[in-house]
Amino acid sequence: MGEATIKLVNHADRPDQWRQGLSREIQTLINECLDGSGTKATVSWGRGTHADNLVLHFVQDVEHSYIQANLPGDALKSHIAGHTRTSKGITGSEFYFMSGSPGDRGQRKYIGYAKVALHEALHNLFPGWTEKEMHGNAGGGGLAAATPQLPPTDRNKELFKRGFSVKNKQLL
């Protein structure tokens, strides 16, 4: 099928070594999801460009939402780990370094962030789907579930393969 680029944009001021650990975990999950598809996706940190197939913003917390600042909409729930919004033909996805209810905020291990990143990627790659569709049977559970789980299901893998075949305009 081809090559896809996934750009991770750091808004959380995380050090290089930490970011590299996270990008390796995300790359590993992406590779698993695209295995056998003929599509190769490369995950890297930097500024998102129009050439990127997917741009994922890594933000400190909900209060510092890049999406809310650039694609305004309904207030975000304080406990979420990530969010995707489509507005005026642009889709933006972000996931948070600190998430959870106020007073109960926590950090995750790399794999926890990677699961949330790929969950938001699925929302991004299918911007016409409702939350109910993605989190329900159509999403196939696993990474598409409201609380992303491993391993990725066959349906998750199918959706990633299909999702990279169409390029959506990304929030840069």
Protein backbone atom coordinates (compact mmCIF):
# COMPACT_ATOMS: atom_id res chain seq x y z
CA MET A 1 0.00 0.00 0.00
CA GLY A 2 2.76 2.47 0.79
CA GLU A 3 4.28 4.53 3.53
CA ALA A 4 2.60 6.59 6.21
CA THR A 5 4.08 9.10 8.60
CA ILE A 6 2.89 9.59 12.14
CA LYS A 7 4.12 12.73 13.83
CA LEU A 8 4.11 13.11 17.60
CA VAL A 9 4.09 16.75 18.69
CA ASN A 10 5.41 17.45 22.21
CA HIS A 11 3.42 20.06 24.14
CA ALA A 12 4.27 18.45 27.51
CA ASP A 13 7.94 19.43 27.75
CA ARG A 14 9.16 15.86 28.16
CA PRO A 15 12.91 15.19 27.80
CA ASP A 16 14.33 13.52 24.67
CA GLN A 17 15.10 10.20 26.34
CA TRP A 18 11.55 9.92 27.67
CA ARG A 19 10.03 10.83 24.30
CA GLN A 20 12.18 8.25 22.52
CA GLY A 21 10.94 5.53 24.87
CA LEU A 22 7.34 6.50 24.14
CA SER A 23 7.82 6.69 20.37
CA ARG A 24 9.43 3.22 20.35
CA GLU A 25 6.39 1.77 22.15
CA ILE A 26 3.97 3.50 19.77
CA GLN A 27 6.03 2.31 16.78
CA THR A 28 5.93 -1.28 18.08
CA LEU A 29 2.12 -1.21 18.39
CA ILE A 30 1.70 0.43 14.97
CA ASN A 31 3.95 -2.24 13.42
CA GLU A 32 1.82 -4.95 15.03
CA CYS A 33 -1.37 -3.38 13.71
CA LEU A 34 -0.03 -2.97 10.16
CA ASP A 35 1.80 -6.29 9.92
CA GLY A 36 1.15 -7.95 6.57
CA SER A 37 -0.70 -4.95 5.13
CA GLY A 38 2.04 -3.68 2.83
CA THR A 39 1.83 -0.32 4.63
CA LYS A 40 4.80 0.87 6.61
CA ALA A 41 4.28 3.66 9.12
CA THR A 42 7.08 5.67 10.67
CA VAL A 43 6.58 7.32 14.05
CA SER A 44 8.70 10.37 14.90
CA TRP A 45 8.65 13.51 17.05
CA GLY A 46 8.55 16.98 15.52
CA ARG A 47 6.18 19.51 14.06
CA GLY A 48 3.21 18.17 12.18
CA THR A 49 3.11 18.91 8.46
CA HIS A 50 0.46 18.59 5.76
CA ALA A 51 2.42 15.60 4.41
CA ASP A 52 1.91 13.59 7.63
CA ASN A 53 -0.84 10.97 7.57
CA LEU A 54 -1.47 11.32 11.28
CA VAL A 55 -0.51 13.99 13.83
CA LEU A 56 -0.86 13.17 17.53
CA HIS A 57 -0.37 15.97 20.03
CA PHE A 58 1.09 14.99 23.40
CA VAL A 59 -0.17 17.52 25.95
CA GLN A 60 0.48 17.99 29.68
CA ASP A 61 -3.18 17.60 30.72
CA VAL A 62 -6.76 18.43 29.74
CA GLU A 63 -6.40 21.98 31.08
CA HIS A 64 -3.68 22.61 28.47
CA SER A 65 -5.63 21.05 25.58
CA TYR A 66 -4.19 21.93 22.18
CA ILE A 67 -7.42 20.82 20.54
CA GLN A 68 -9.60 23.02 22.73
CA ALA A 69 -7.39 26.03 21.93
CA ASN A 70 -7.33 25.37 18.17
CA LEU A 71 -10.60 23.52 17.42
CA PRO A 72 -12.95 24.96 20.06
CA GLY A 73 -15.96 22.90 21.07
CA ASP A 74 -17.68 21.38 24.06
CA ALA A 75 -15.69 21.39 27.29
CA LEU A 76 -13.51 18.32 27.75
CA LYS A 77 -14.13 15.97 30.65
CA SER A 78 -11.38 16.29 33.25
CA HIS A 79 -10.78 12.54 33.63
CA ILE A 80 -10.03 11.62 30.00
CA ALA A 81 -6.66 10.28 28.81
CA GLY A 82 -7.00 11.58 25.25
CA HIS A 83 -9.38 13.28 22.85
CA THR A 84 -10.07 13.61 19.12
CA ARG A 85 -12.23 16.26 17.51
CA THR A 86 -13.15 17.03 13.91
CA SER A 87 -14.24 20.53 12.97
CA LYS A 88 -14.45 22.25 9.57
CA GLY A 89 -12.76 19.29 7.86
CA ILE A 90 -9.76 19.21 10.22
CA THR A 91 -9.19 16.36 12.69
CA GLY A 92 -7.08 16.83 15.79
CA SER A 93 -6.00 14.18 18.29
CA GLU A 94 -4.22 14.53 21.59
CA PHE A 95 -3.31 12.41 24.58
CA TYR A 96 -2.24 13.56 28.01
CA PHE A 97 0.85 13.09 30.15
CA MET A 98 -1.24 13.56 33.30
CA SER A 99 -4.78 12.26 33.24
CA GLY A 100 -7.50 11.28 35.63
CA SER A 101 -9.87 13.15 37.86
CA PRO A 102 -8.46 16.19 39.68
CA GLY A 103 -6.78 15.05 42.87
CA ASP A 104 -6.30 11.58 41.37
CA ARG A 105 -4.04 12.44 38.44
CA GLY A 106 -1.51 9.94 37.36
CA GLN A 107 1.14 9.05 34.86
CA ARG A 108 1.31 5.86 32.85
CA LYS A 109 4.04 3.57 31.62
CA TYR A 110 5.00 3.92 27.96
CA ILE A 111 2.62 1.12 26.96
CA GLY A 112 -0.28 2.91 28.67
CA TYR A 113 0.37 6.09 26.70
CA ALA A 114 0.84 4.06 23.52
CA LYS A 115 -2.56 2.37 23.95
CA VAL A 116 -4.25 5.77 24.38
CA ALA A 117 -2.33 7.21 21.40
CA LEU A 118 -3.46 4.37 19.13
CA HIS A 119 -7.02 4.64 20.42
CA GLU A 120 -7.05 8.33 19.48
CA ALA A 121 -5.42 7.43 16.16
CA LEU A 122 -8.39 5.21 15.36
CA HIS A 123 -10.78 8.08 16.10
CA ASN A 124 -8.61 10.30 13.89
CA LEU A 125 -8.43 7.86 10.98
CA PHE A 126 -12.24 7.44 11.04
CA PRO A 127 -13.50 10.98 11.80
CA GLY A 128 -17.01 10.20 10.56
CA TRP A 129 -17.54 7.50 13.16
CA THR A 130 -19.34 8.33 16.36
CA GLU A 131 -17.84 7.53 19.74
CA LYS A 132 -20.49 4.82 20.12
CA GLU A 133 -19.46 3.19 16.82
CA MET A 134 -15.74 3.22 17.63
CA HIS A 135 -16.16 2.05 21.21
CA GLY A 136 -18.79 -0.54 20.21
CA ASN A 137 -18.82 -3.66 18.08
CA ALA A 138 -17.81 -1.80 14.90
CA GLY A 139 -14.46 -0.90 16.50
CA GLY A 140 -13.86 -4.47 17.57
CA GLY A 141 -12.83 -3.86 21.20
CA GLY A 142 -9.12 -3.98 22.02
CA LEU A 143 -7.54 -0.63 21.18
CA ALA A 144 -10.92 0.75 20.05
CA ALA A 145 -12.60 0.08 23.40
CA ALA A 146 -13.45 3.04 25.65
CA THR A 147 -10.58 1.82 27.85
CA PRO A 148 -8.00 0.60 25.30
CA GLN A 149 -6.84 -2.98 25.80
CA LEU A 150 -4.10 -5.19 24.38
CA PRO A 151 -3.55 -7.11 22.28
CA PRO A 152 -4.96 -5.30 19.24
CA THR A 153 -7.86 -7.29 17.83
CA ASP A 154 -8.08 -8.42 14.22
CA ARG A 155 -10.72 -5.71 13.73
CA ASN A 156 -8.35 -3.06 15.17
CA LYS A 157 -5.69 -4.18 12.69
CA GLU A 158 -8.18 -4.09 9.82
CA LEU A 159 -9.22 -0.55 10.79
CA PHE A 160 -5.62 0.69 10.94
CA LYS A 161 -4.93 -0.78 7.51
CA ARG A 162 -8.06 0.86 6.06
CA GLY A 163 -7.50 4.11 7.95
CA PHE A 164 -4.10 4.79 6.42
CA SER A 165 -5.50 4.31 2.91
CA VAL A 166 -7.25 7.70 3.12
CA LYS A 167 -5.50 10.88 4.28
CA ASN A 168 -7.49 13.23 6.53
CA LYS A 169 -6.55 16.87 7.04
CA GLN A 170 -4.76 17.06 10.42
CA LEU A 171 -4.61 19.73 13.11
CA LEU A 172 -1.00 20.90 12.90
